[in-house]
Amino acid sequence: MKKKAIAVVAGACALGMLLAGCGGSGDSNASGNVITAFNSEPQNALIPGDTNETGGGKVGQLLFANLVRYDSKGDTKMEVADSIEPNKDATQYTVKLKDGWKFTDGTPVTAESFTKSWSYTANAKNAQKCSSFFSMIKGYDDLQKDGLKGDEQLSGLKVVDDKTFTVDLTQPDSVFPTKVGYLAFAPLPESFYKDPKAFGEKPVGNGMYKLDKWDHNSQIVLTKNADYKGDEKPKNDGVTFKIYTSSDSAYADVQAGNLDVMDTVPASDTKTFEKDPSVEAYNKAGSVIQTFTIPAGMKHWETNTKEGQLRRQALSMAIDREQIVSKVLNGVGTPATDFTAPVIPGYSKDLKNGKYLKANPTEAKKLWAQAEAISTWDGTLTFSFNADGGAQPIYDAIVNQVKNNLGIKAATNPMPTFQEFRNAVSERKIDGAFRTGWQPDYPSAENYLYQLYDSDAADGHGSNDGDYKNADVDELLSKAAAATDSDEQIDLYHQTEEILLEQLPAIPLYYSNANGVAAKGVKGFEMDWQNQPIYANMTK
């Protein structure tokens, strides 16, 4: 997801959370009914709570089964959980587990498998990238203090017995039973805590597949888990993710039958892939939003100052999204009108302050002049992105539009690999704009807004990579979480977005279509609500 930073490619480079780089290929020994799939090298070890980008997320989702799962349309179904029952005001949930679930090391999945895992991820000592997903659970703030050992538990989690635990929240959260399907909420076996580093290299899960081997920068080999207890069994014998640094070479491998599936299409092929007789094509509306972020505290660009807001508004109005979608993406996308996506409940084209997402060079220059009247800025605005993800043509176009429509200095700053780029973002080493995007972890506007723009997700505790903080946004998102009426909830999300549209902590560009290709002879190729191939359904 969520909580997939990100992938900007001609289409979606999907999974979740932060989108990965699309990017020569590793060799796979896969044969028979094993699906070979495109991927990038994961940024981190394969630990659920430390995975918020697509390279690792694609793999993790197949290795672990959560309390609930999402079907291809984004509907929530019970998985390991037998029930998740709220109290009257949704401040406490009682979770009961099904019988028979085991990790691939043979140990049982128990209530403590979840409570210890969630507490580990929430604990600041462990520096997990998905920590903020647990901020609604009582005791979270205590686990953000200095001097922790790392094994302290969330006080809001109570084990009743091996198959039952309760979750006490700091406030009502009607989305809780949906969000626990996200990878960060996965259970972990006891072996994890003995050596987390070793576990991350060869994780032990309870999902459809188990990890056979990870040859870094080459391939990640998964085999079918014969003991998987879920309702939908894999139709193939395994999935081998081949690591690419070029989406063009991956596409050529699909055409040649050397790669079975990829979840994006190179910019150079977006005009022709649906008519290409050498591939099976897929292209439908998707859930990924592509953006770029400017650090909230960047001098002259601060989100909490009038000068900074004027500059961000001017910059946004200097960008012609329609032209980028039609000329660079060849129509494989939709210009952004909000901070969510068209397939998400509450998506809107008519929000207050939505004008800032529409090209208007004349107004852009006026706003820029107003900012200059407050304080002069004569720097060069750089746009950083990963060079292995196909984003160069997009940011070349943005830089040209900004130069022409605003008359300021701008330049691209490509970084060789997605991993290197994401590390620079995580370490707050980028001074300027940087490519971001989001593939939702669960089907709710809350996932886009809370995980990317709430204060709890800033400062390395989540996916708020620009460290944007606004008390009004925080309050509105808290109210939305407490709302049990969907219309009221969506109204609160819209109010949140109207603030975001004024302050523009990130600047929405476009929504990626769910598009990809499979090799001829592959059966069952389709993509889900997260713009991801449904790997388990594919055979050959």
Protein backbone atom coordinates (compact mmCIF):
# COMPACT_ATOMS: atom_id res chain seq x y z
CA MET A 1 0.00 0.00 0.00
CA LYS A 2 -0.15 1.61 1.64
CA LYS A 3 1.19 1.92 3.43
CA LYS A 4 2.08 1.44 0.05
CA ALA A 5 6.37 6.68 -2.26
CA ILE A 6 6.24 5.21 -5.50
CA ALA A 7 5.92 4.13 -8.93
CA VAL A 8 5.22 6.30 -11.78
CA VAL A 9 5.25 4.42 -14.97
CA ALA A 10 3.15 4.60 -17.96
CA GLY A 11 0.69 2.55 -16.12
CA ALA A 12 0.59 1.30 -12.62
CA CYS A 13 3.65 -0.22 -11.13
CA ALA A 14 1.58 -1.44 -8.48
CA LEU A 15 1.29 -2.78 -5.08
CA GLY A 16 0.34 -1.23 -2.49
CA MET A 17 1.52 1.06 -0.67
CA LEU A 18 4.42 2.82 -2.01
CA LEU A 19 4.76 2.02 -5.62
CA ALA A 20 7.86 0.32 -6.69
CA GLY A 21 10.22 0.97 -9.50
CA CYS A 22 9.46 -0.77 -12.72
CA GLY A 23 12.35 -1.82 -13.77
CA GLY A 24 17.34 -6.46 -16.96
CA SER A 25 16.21 -9.43 -15.62
CA GLY A 26 17.36 -12.18 -13.37
CA ASP A 27 17.38 -15.80 -14.38
CA SER A 28 14.73 -18.08 -13.02
CA ASN A 29 14.85 -21.84 -12.84
CA ALA A 30 11.09 -21.93 -12.93
CA SER A 31 9.45 -24.53 -15.13
CA GLY A 32 6.16 -26.35 -15.41
CA ASN A 33 3.15 -24.68 -13.84
CA VAL A 34 5.18 -21.89 -12.22
CA ILE A 35 4.36 -18.30 -13.07
CA THR A 36 7.24 -15.90 -13.69
CA ALA A 37 6.40 -12.32 -12.81
CA PHE A 38 7.99 -8.90 -13.13
CA ASN A 39 9.23 -7.15 -9.98
CA SER A 40 11.80 -4.73 -8.60
CA GLU A 41 14.25 -5.55 -5.82
CA PRO A 42 12.49 -4.99 -2.49
CA GLN A 43 13.76 -1.96 -0.56
CA ASN A 44 13.99 -3.86 2.71
CA ALA A 45 14.01 -7.33 4.18
CA LEU A 46 10.70 -9.21 3.75
CA ILE A 47 9.18 -8.28 7.11
CA PRO A 48 5.49 -7.32 6.87
CA GLY A 49 5.68 -4.30 9.17
CA ASP A 50 8.70 -2.86 7.37
CA THR A 51 7.31 -3.21 3.85
CA ASN A 52 5.60 -0.19 2.34
CA GLU A 53 6.63 -0.40 -1.30
CA THR A 54 5.61 -2.67 -4.10
CA GLY A 55 8.77 -4.67 -4.63
CA GLY A 56 8.41 -6.25 -1.21
CA GLY A 57 4.65 -5.89 -0.99
CA LYS A 58 3.90 -8.11 -3.96
CA VAL A 59 5.91 -10.90 -2.35
CA GLY A 60 4.64 -10.36 1.19
CA GLN A 61 1.00 -10.53 0.19
CA LEU A 62 1.56 -14.04 -1.15
CA LEU A 63 3.58 -15.23 1.86
CA PHE A 64 1.22 -14.09 4.62
CA ALA A 65 -2.49 -14.47 5.32
CA ASN A 66 -4.18 -11.86 7.50
CA LEU A 67 -7.36 -11.73 9.57
CA VAL A 68 -9.22 -10.73 6.41
CA ARG A 69 -8.46 -10.70 2.71
CA TYR A 70 -9.72 -8.60 -0.17
CA ASP A 71 -11.27 -10.18 -3.22
CA SER A 72 -10.53 -8.96 -6.74
CA LYS A 73 -13.10 -6.15 -6.43
CA GLY A 74 -11.82 -4.97 -3.05
CA ASP A 75 -14.56 -6.54 -0.93
CA THR A 76 -13.45 -7.75 2.50
CA LYS A 77 -13.68 -11.48 3.29
CA MET A 78 -12.79 -13.34 6.47
CA GLU A 79 -9.48 -15.19 6.20
CA VAL A 80 -7.71 -16.26 9.42
CA ALA A 81 -10.41 -14.53 11.46
CA ASP A 82 -13.66 -16.29 12.15
CA SER A 83 -15.19 -13.01 13.35
CA ILE A 84 -14.23 -9.40 14.17
CA GLU A 85 -16.95 -7.95 16.37
CA PRO A 86 -17.14 -4.30 17.53
CA ASN A 87 -18.67 -2.96 20.72
CA LYS A 88 -21.43 -0.32 20.43
CA ASP A 89 -19.18 2.65 19.59
CA ALA A 90 -16.45 0.76 17.68
CA THR A 91 -13.76 1.49 20.28
CA GLN A 92 -13.18 -2.18 21.03
CA TYR A 93 -13.11 -5.24 18.78
CA THR A 94 -13.13 -8.90 19.72
CA VAL A 95 -11.29 -11.09 17.23
CA LYS A 96 -11.84 -14.84 17.05
CA LEU A 97 -9.59 -17.01 14.89
CA LYS A 98 -10.44 -20.06 12.82
CA ASP A 99 -8.96 -23.43 13.75
CA GLY A 100 -6.17 -25.14 11.88
CA TRP A 101 -4.01 -22.28 10.62
CA LYS A 102 -0.26 -22.91 10.79
CA PHE A 103 2.92 -21.19 9.71
CA THR A 104 5.07 -23.00 7.18
CA ASP A 105 7.45 -24.06 9.99
CA GLY A 106 4.56 -26.09 11.43
CA THR A 107 3.86 -23.86 14.44
CA PRO A 108 0.25 -22.76 15.04
CA VAL A 109 -1.13 -19.31 14.26
CA THR A 110 -2.49 -18.05 17.57
CA ALA A 111 -3.92 -14.84 18.97
CA GLU A 112 -0.44 -13.97 20.24
CA SER A 113 0.92 -14.36 16.70
CA PHE A 114 -1.04 -11.22 15.90
CA THR A 115 -0.69 -9.22 19.13
CA LYS A 116 3.11 -9.65 19.32
CA SER A 117 3.54 -8.86 15.62
CA TRP A 118 1.43 -5.71 15.82
CA SER A 119 3.24 -4.55 18.95
CA TYR A 120 6.64 -5.16 17.35
CA THR A 121 5.69 -3.06 14.34
CA ALA A 122 4.22 -0.29 16.48
CA ASN A 123 7.28 -0.13 18.78
CA ALA A 124 9.51 2.80 17.77
CA LYS A 125 12.63 0.93 18.91
CA ASN A 126 12.13 -1.47 15.99
CA ALA A 127 11.91 1.35 13.40
CA GLN A 128 9.29 -0.34 11.22
CA LYS A 129 8.01 1.71 8.30
CA CYS A 130 4.38 0.75 8.90
CA SER A 131 4.30 1.74 12.57
CA SER A 132 1.63 4.41 12.09
CA PHE A 133 -0.96 1.85 10.99
CA PHE A 134 -1.25 0.92 14.67
CA SER A 135 -1.55 4.43 16.07
CA MET A 136 -5.26 3.96 16.79
CA ILE A 137 -4.59 1.15 19.28
CA LYS A 138 -4.26 2.06 22.96
CA GLY A 139 -0.69 2.12 24.15
CA TYR A 140 0.77 3.25 20.83
CA ASP A 141 2.05 6.55 22.25
CA ASP A 142 3.84 4.67 25.04
CA LEU A 143 5.69 2.69 22.38
CA GLN A 144 7.00 5.88 20.75
CA LYS A 145 9.07 6.94 23.76
CA ASP A 146 12.84 6.80 24.19
CA GLY A 147 14.51 4.03 26.14
CA LEU A 148 12.40 1.13 24.87
CA LYS A 149 13.82 -2.38 24.55
CA GLY A 150 11.68 -3.28 21.53
CA ASP A 151 9.62 -6.05 23.09
CA GLU A 152 7.09 -3.86 24.88
CA GLN A 153 3.49 -4.69 23.95
CA LEU A 154 0.56 -2.49 22.97
CA SER A 155 -1.57 -2.15 26.10
CA GLY A 156 -4.73 -2.14 23.96
CA LEU A 157 -4.17 -5.73 22.85
CA LYS A 158 -5.30 -8.48 25.21
CA VAL A 159 -5.02 -12.22 24.55
CA VAL A 160 -8.11 -14.01 25.89
CA ASP A 161 -7.10 -17.48 24.73
CA ASP A 162 -5.21 -19.05 21.83
CA LYS A 163 -8.00 -18.21 19.40
CA THR A 164 -9.31 -14.93 20.84
CA PHE A 165 -7.95 -11.44 21.46
CA THR A 166 -9.41 -7.99 22.02
CA VAL A 167 -8.34 -4.67 20.55
CA ASP A 168 -8.99 -1.44 22.49
CA LEU A 169 -8.75 1.73 20.43
CA THR A 170 -8.09 5.31 21.46
CA GLN A 171 -11.15 6.43 19.48
CA PRO A 172 -13.89 4.87 17.38
CA ASP A 173 -12.62 3.36 14.14
CA SER A 174 -15.24 1.93 11.84
CA VAL A 175 -12.62 1.07 9.19
CA PHE A 176 -10.63 -1.21 11.50
CA PRO A 177 -12.17 -4.53 10.31
CA THR A 178 -11.21 -3.57 6.75
CA LYS A 179 -7.70 -2.27 7.30
CA VAL A 180 -6.50 -5.45 9.10
CA GLY A 181 -6.24 -7.11 5.69
CA TYR A 182 -3.18 -4.97 4.97
CA LEU A 183 0.21 -6.73 5.01
CA ALA A 184 1.47 -4.81 8.07
CA PHE A 185 -1.18 -6.61 10.18
CA ALA A 186 0.18 -10.07 9.30
CA PRO A 187 0.92 -12.56 12.10
CA LEU A 188 4.50 -13.61 12.81
CA PRO A 189 5.80 -16.91 14.20
CA GLU A 190 7.95 -17.05 17.35
CA SER A 191 11.05 -17.73 15.23
CA PHE A 192 10.90 -14.15 13.95
CA TYR A 193 11.80 -12.62 17.30
CA LYS A 194 14.92 -14.79 17.71
CA ASP A 195 16.55 -13.30 14.60
CA PRO A 196 14.49 -10.71 12.68
CA LYS A 197 17.33 -10.07 10.23
CA ALA A 198 17.61 -13.72 9.20
CA PHE A 199 13.80 -14.00 9.08
CA GLY A 200 13.64 -11.06 6.63
CA GLU A 201 15.87 -12.95 4.22
CA LYS A 202 13.74 -16.10 4.37
CA PRO A 203 10.39 -15.30 6.01
CA VAL A 204 8.08 -17.93 7.44
CA GLY A 205 4.46 -17.10 6.70
CA ASN A 206 1.01 -18.66 6.62
CA GLY A 207 -0.09 -17.62 3.14
CA MET A 208 -0.72 -19.22 -0.23
CA TYR A 209 2.99 -19.57 -0.95
CA LYS A 210 6.26 -20.05 0.92
CA LEU A 211 9.67 -18.65 0.08
CA ASP A 212 12.13 -21.06 -1.50
CA LYS A 213 14.98 -18.63 -2.15
CA TRP A 214 15.80 -14.97 -2.68
CA ASP A 215 18.70 -14.31 -5.02
CA HIS A 216 19.10 -10.58 -4.50
CA ASN A 217 18.72 -8.44 -7.61
CA SER A 218 17.90 -11.56 -9.61
CA GLN A 219 14.82 -13.48 -8.47
CA ILE A 220 12.53 -14.38 -5.58
CA VAL A 221 11.23 -17.93 -5.82
CA LEU A 222 7.95 -18.88 -4.13
CA THR A 223 6.41 -22.34 -4.04
CA LYS A 224 2.83 -23.33 -3.26
CA ASN A 225 2.06 -23.81 0.43
CA ALA A 226 0.30 -27.18 0.57
CA ASP A 227 -0.94 -26.44 4.11
CA TYR A 228 -2.62 -23.11 3.26
CA LYS A 229 -6.03 -23.04 4.93
CA GLY A 230 -7.67 -20.25 2.93
CA ASP A 231 -10.75 -20.61 0.79
CA GLU A 232 -9.09 -19.79 -2.54
CA LYS A 233 -6.23 -22.17 -3.30
CA PRO A 234 -3.48 -21.31 -5.82
CA LYS A 235 -4.07 -22.82 -9.24
CA ASN A 236 -0.34 -22.95 -10.02
CA ASP A 237 2.69 -24.52 -8.32
CA GLY A 238 4.53 -21.32 -7.56
CA VAL A 239 5.45 -17.76 -8.52
CA THR A 240 8.98 -16.64 -9.35
CA PHE A 241 9.47 -12.89 -9.29
CA LYS A 242 12.22 -11.88 -11.68
CA ILE A 243 13.99 -8.65 -10.78
CA TYR A 244 14.24 -6.09 -13.57
CA THR A 245 15.85 -2.67 -13.79
CA SER A 246 14.17 -1.91 -17.11
CA SER A 247 10.48 -2.23 -17.87
CA ASP A 248 11.35 -2.26 -21.58
CA SER A 249 13.44 -5.42 -21.23
CA ALA A 250 10.70 -7.03 -19.15
CA TYR A 251 8.13 -6.28 -21.85
CA ALA A 252 10.43 -7.78 -24.48
CA ASP A 253 10.68 -10.92 -22.34
CA VAL A 254 6.88 -11.18 -22.16
CA GLN A 255 6.69 -10.84 -25.93
CA ALA A 256 9.29 -13.60 -26.32
CA GLY A 257 7.57 -15.87 -23.80
CA ASN A 258 10.46 -15.63 -21.31
CA LEU A 259 8.34 -13.83 -18.68
CA ASP A 260 4.72 -14.69 -17.94
CA VAL A 261 3.30 -11.46 -16.55
CA MET A 262 4.06 -7.85 -15.72
CA ASP A 263 1.88 -5.33 -13.96
CA THR A 264 2.84 -2.28 -16.00
CA VAL A 265 3.50 -1.27 -19.57
CA PRO A 266 6.56 0.76 -20.66
CA ALA A 267 5.77 4.26 -21.91
CA SER A 268 7.10 3.34 -25.34
CA ASP A 269 4.50 0.56 -25.66
CA THR A 270 1.37 2.20 -24.27
CA LYS A 271 0.13 3.12 -27.75
CA THR A 272 0.39 -0.40 -29.10
CA PHE A 273 0.22 -2.99 -26.29
CA GLU A 274 -3.53 -3.62 -26.56
CA LYS A 275 -3.09 -4.52 -30.23
CA ASP A 276 0.19 -6.41 -29.79
CA PRO A 277 -0.46 -10.00 -31.00
CA SER A 278 2.46 -11.36 -28.98
CA VAL A 279 0.90 -10.55 -25.57
CA GLU A 280 -2.36 -10.73 -23.63
CA ALA A 281 -3.22 -7.16 -22.65
CA TYR A 282 -5.18 -5.73 -19.71
CA ASN A 283 -6.21 -2.08 -19.34
CA LYS A 284 -8.95 -0.87 -17.00
CA ALA A 285 -9.53 1.96 -14.52
CA GLY A 286 -7.37 1.52 -11.43
CA SER A 287 -6.71 2.62 -7.87
CA VAL A 288 -3.20 4.04 -8.06
CA ILE A 289 -2.63 7.78 -7.73
CA GLN A 290 0.63 9.28 -8.98
CA THR A 291 1.92 12.40 -7.25
CA PHE A 292 5.08 14.24 -6.37
CA THR A 293 5.89 15.56 -2.92
CA ILE A 294 7.75 18.64 -1.74
CA PRO A 295 8.96 18.43 1.90
CA ALA A 296 6.52 20.37 4.07
CA GLY A 297 9.29 22.35 5.72
CA MET A 298 11.34 23.20 2.62
CA LYS A 299 12.40 26.85 2.77
CA HIS A 300 10.12 29.13 0.72
CA TRP A 301 7.80 26.16 0.11
CA GLU A 302 6.46 25.50 3.61
CA THR A 303 2.90 24.15 3.67
CA ASN A 304 2.04 26.24 6.74
CA THR A 305 3.00 29.62 5.24
CA LYS A 306 1.20 31.76 2.71
CA GLU A 307 4.32 31.99 0.57
CA GLY A 308 4.73 28.22 0.48
CA GLN A 309 1.10 27.59 -0.35
CA LEU A 310 1.16 30.16 -3.17
CA ARG A 311 4.24 28.54 -4.70
CA ARG A 312 2.72 25.06 -4.52
CA GLN A 313 -0.55 26.27 -6.04
CA ALA A 314 1.32 28.07 -8.82
CA LEU A 315 3.44 25.02 -9.54
CA SER A 316 0.40 22.76 -9.67
CA MET A 317 -1.45 25.09 -12.06
CA ALA A 318 1.62 25.24 -14.31
CA ILE A 319 1.29 21.51 -15.01
CA ASP A 320 -0.98 20.33 -17.81
CA ARG A 321 -2.15 16.91 -16.65
CA GLU A 322 -4.34 16.35 -19.70
CA GLN A 323 -1.31 16.78 -21.95
CA ILE A 324 0.82 14.42 -19.86
CA VAL A 325 -1.86 11.73 -19.93
CA SER A 326 -2.53 12.05 -23.65
CA LYS A 327 0.99 12.70 -24.98
CA VAL A 328 3.28 10.89 -22.54
CA LEU A 329 1.02 8.13 -21.22
CA ASN A 330 -0.88 7.71 -24.49
CA GLY A 331 -4.17 7.78 -22.61
CA VAL A 332 -3.28 5.07 -20.10
CA GLY A 333 -4.35 7.15 -17.13
CA THR A 334 -6.76 9.85 -15.94
CA PRO A 335 -5.88 13.39 -14.78
CA ALA A 336 -6.19 13.64 -10.99
CA THR A 337 -9.01 15.64 -9.43
CA ASP A 338 -8.52 14.60 -5.79
CA PHE A 339 -6.19 12.64 -3.49
CA THR A 340 -7.85 9.20 -3.78
CA ALA A 341 -8.81 7.32 -6.98
CA PRO A 342 -11.89 6.75 -9.16
CA VAL A 343 -12.57 3.23 -7.86
CA ILE A 344 -12.60 4.29 -4.19
CA PRO A 345 -15.85 5.25 -2.37
CA GLY A 346 -15.98 9.05 -2.01
CA TYR A 347 -13.86 9.89 -5.04
CA SER A 348 -14.79 13.35 -6.35
CA LYS A 349 -14.22 15.62 -9.34
CA ASP A 350 -15.83 18.65 -7.72
CA LEU A 351 -14.03 19.48 -4.50
CA LYS A 352 -13.42 23.02 -3.29
CA ASN A 353 -9.91 24.13 -4.30
CA GLY A 354 -9.92 21.55 -7.08
CA LYS A 355 -9.03 24.41 -9.44
CA TYR A 356 -5.41 24.06 -8.34
CA LEU A 357 -5.21 20.74 -10.20
CA LYS A 358 -6.19 22.33 -13.49
CA ALA A 359 -3.69 23.88 -15.89
CA ASN A 360 -3.89 27.69 -15.87
CA PRO A 361 -0.53 29.30 -16.73
CA THR A 362 -1.88 32.84 -16.39
CA GLU A 363 -3.18 32.26 -12.87
CA ALA A 364 -0.05 30.28 -12.02
CA LYS A 365 2.15 33.28 -12.83
CA LYS A 366 -0.05 35.57 -10.71
CA LEU A 367 0.19 33.25 -7.71
CA TRP A 368 3.95 32.95 -8.17
CA ALA A 369 4.30 36.74 -8.28
CA GLN A 370 2.34 37.00 -5.02
CA ALA A 371 4.75 34.52 -3.41
CA GLU A 372 7.74 36.48 -4.72
CA ALA A 373 6.28 39.65 -3.20
CA ILE A 374 6.42 37.95 0.19
CA SER A 375 9.98 36.64 -0.23
CA THR A 376 12.24 36.14 -3.24
CA TRP A 377 13.31 32.63 -4.25
CA ASP A 378 15.79 32.15 -7.09
CA GLY A 379 16.65 28.48 -6.71
CA THR A 380 16.24 25.55 -9.07
CA LEU A 381 13.38 23.17 -8.35
CA THR A 382 14.59 19.62 -8.85
CA PHE A 383 12.34 16.61 -9.40
CA SER A 384 13.88 13.37 -8.10
CA PHE A 385 12.72 9.92 -9.19
CA ASN A 386 14.05 6.42 -9.81
CA ALA A 387 15.52 6.01 -13.29
CA ASP A 388 14.57 2.32 -13.46
CA GLY A 389 10.84 3.00 -13.24
CA GLY A 390 9.98 4.58 -16.58
CA ALA A 391 9.31 8.01 -15.05
CA GLN A 392 11.84 10.00 -17.09
CA PRO A 393 9.42 11.04 -19.88
CA ILE A 394 6.84 12.17 -17.31
CA TYR A 395 9.24 14.36 -15.38
CA ASP A 396 10.86 15.69 -18.55
CA ALA A 397 7.39 16.90 -19.53
CA ILE A 398 6.71 18.38 -16.08
CA VAL A 399 10.03 20.25 -16.05
CA ASN A 400 9.38 21.69 -19.50
CA GLN A 401 5.88 22.81 -18.52
CA VAL A 402 7.13 24.40 -15.30
CA LYS A 403 9.90 26.26 -17.12
CA ASN A 404 7.57 27.49 -19.86
CA ASN A 405 4.50 28.29 -17.75
CA LEU A 406 6.17 29.69 -14.63
CA GLY A 407 9.48 30.93 -16.00
CA ILE A 408 11.47 29.39 -13.15
CA LYS A 409 14.48 27.10 -13.16
CA ALA A 410 13.64 23.41 -12.94
CA ALA A 411 15.52 20.17 -13.59
CA THR A 412 15.12 16.42 -13.31
CA ASN A 413 17.23 14.44 -10.83
CA PRO A 414 17.03 10.77 -11.79
CA MET A 415 18.48 8.26 -9.29
CA PRO A 416 19.70 4.89 -10.64
CA THR A 417 17.44 2.43 -8.80
CA PHE A 418 14.15 2.41 -6.94
CA GLN A 419 15.90 1.11 -3.83
CA GLU A 420 18.46 3.94 -3.86
CA PHE A 421 15.72 6.50 -4.48
CA ARG A 422 13.47 5.19 -1.70
CA ASN A 423 16.37 5.10 0.74
CA ALA A 424 17.06 8.77 -0.01
CA VAL A 425 13.38 9.57 0.60
CA SER A 426 13.27 7.55 3.83
CA GLU A 427 16.43 9.23 5.10
CA ARG A 428 15.07 12.69 4.19
CA LYS A 429 18.04 13.43 1.94
CA ILE A 430 16.11 15.00 -0.94
CA ASP A 431 15.89 18.78 -1.06
CA GLY A 432 13.28 19.42 -3.72
CA ALA A 433 10.34 17.63 -5.25
CA PHE A 434 10.34 13.84 -5.41
CA ARG A 435 8.14 11.30 -7.09
CA THR A 436 5.50 9.66 -4.92
CA GLY A 437 2.32 7.72 -5.48
CA TRP A 438 0.04 5.35 -3.70
CA GLN A 439 -1.53 2.03 -4.32
CA PRO A 440 -4.08 1.46 -1.56
CA ASP A 441 -3.57 -1.21 1.05
CA TYR A 442 -7.29 -1.47 1.69
CA PRO A 443 -10.30 -0.05 -0.20
CA SER A 444 -11.02 3.15 1.72
CA ALA A 445 -10.29 6.86 1.30
CA GLU A 446 -8.89 6.64 4.83
CA ASN A 447 -5.96 4.64 3.48
CA TYR A 448 -4.96 7.39 1.07
CA LEU A 449 -5.52 10.29 3.45
CA TYR A 450 -4.51 9.08 6.91
CA GLN A 451 -1.46 7.09 5.88
CA LEU A 452 -0.05 9.87 3.71
CA TYR A 453 -1.08 13.12 5.39
CA ASP A 454 -1.85 12.56 9.08
CA SER A 455 0.76 13.77 11.57
CA ASP A 456 0.98 10.25 13.03
CA ALA A 457 2.44 9.01 9.74
CA ALA A 458 5.17 11.68 9.57
CA ASP A 459 8.76 11.66 10.84
CA GLY A 460 9.47 8.11 9.69
CA HIS A 461 6.48 6.53 11.46
CA GLY A 462 4.60 5.87 8.23
CA SER A 463 4.29 6.91 4.62
CA ASN A 464 3.95 10.69 5.15
CA ASP A 465 7.29 11.22 3.42
CA GLY A 466 6.92 15.00 3.23
CA ASP A 467 6.40 15.22 7.02
CA TYR A 468 3.24 17.27 6.52
CA LYS A 469 1.39 18.16 9.71
CA ASN A 470 -1.91 19.97 10.08
CA ALA A 471 -4.05 19.79 13.21
CA ASP A 472 -7.28 20.38 11.27
CA VAL A 473 -6.50 17.48 8.94
CA ASP A 474 -5.74 15.25 11.93
CA GLU A 475 -9.02 16.19 13.60
CA LEU A 476 -11.12 15.64 10.50
CA LEU A 477 -9.55 12.22 9.91
CA SER A 478 -10.25 11.27 13.52
CA LYS A 479 -13.88 12.29 13.12
CA ALA A 480 -14.12 10.30 9.89
CA ALA A 481 -12.74 7.22 11.62
CA ALA A 482 -15.44 7.53 14.27
CA ALA A 483 -18.26 7.99 11.79
CA THR A 484 -20.42 4.92 11.27
CA ASP A 485 -22.58 6.58 8.61
CA SER A 486 -20.84 6.29 5.23
CA ASP A 487 -22.21 9.60 3.89
CA GLU A 488 -20.99 11.47 6.97
CA GLN A 489 -17.64 9.76 6.70
CA ILE A 490 -17.21 10.70 3.05
CA ASP A 491 -18.17 14.31 3.79
CA LEU A 492 -15.38 14.47 6.38
CA TYR A 493 -12.92 13.01 3.91
CA HIS A 494 -13.94 15.69 1.41
CA GLN A 495 -13.36 18.41 3.98
CA THR A 496 -9.92 16.93 4.59
CA GLU A 497 -9.13 16.95 0.89
CA GLU A 498 -10.19 20.57 0.52
CA ILE A 499 -7.45 21.52 2.99
CA LEU A 500 -4.97 19.30 1.17
CA LEU A 501 -5.91 20.89 -2.14
CA GLU A 502 -5.15 24.31 -0.71
CA GLN A 503 -1.86 23.41 0.95
CA LEU A 504 -0.73 20.71 -1.52
CA PRO A 505 1.70 18.70 0.65
CA ALA A 506 1.85 16.47 -2.42
CA ILE A 507 0.73 17.46 -5.89
CA PRO A 508 -1.62 14.94 -7.56
CA LEU A 509 -0.83 14.24 -11.19
CA TYR A 510 -2.92 11.35 -12.51
CA TYR A 511 -4.51 8.00 -11.72
CA SER A 512 -2.77 5.04 -13.30
CA ASN A 513 -4.92 2.53 -15.09
CA ALA A 514 -4.57 -1.09 -14.05
CA ASN A 515 -2.64 -2.20 -17.09
CA GLY A 516 -0.25 -5.00 -17.81
CA VAL A 517 0.54 -7.86 -20.13
CA ALA A 518 0.88 -11.62 -19.98
CA ALA A 519 2.62 -13.98 -22.36
CA LYS A 520 0.62 -15.96 -24.84
CA GLY A 521 -0.45 -19.28 -23.38
CA VAL A 522 -0.89 -17.94 -19.85
CA LYS A 523 -4.40 -18.60 -18.58
CA GLY A 524 -6.39 -16.66 -15.97
CA PHE A 525 -4.65 -13.30 -16.35
CA GLU A 526 -6.60 -10.47 -14.77
CA MET A 527 -5.80 -7.61 -12.40
CA ASP A 528 -7.41 -6.75 -9.09
CA TRP A 529 -8.56 -3.53 -7.42
CA GLN A 530 -4.95 -2.79 -6.41
CA ASN A 531 -3.75 -2.86 -10.03
CA GLN A 532 -2.07 -6.20 -9.28
CA PRO A 533 -2.18 -9.43 -11.29
CA ILE A 534 -4.07 -12.13 -9.42
CA TYR A 535 -1.05 -14.40 -9.40
CA ALA A 536 -2.76 -17.36 -7.70
CA ASN A 537 -5.32 -17.68 -10.50
CA MET A 538 -2.79 -17.90 -13.31
CA THR A 539 -1.69 -21.12 -14.97
CA LYS A 540 0.14 -22.16 -18.11
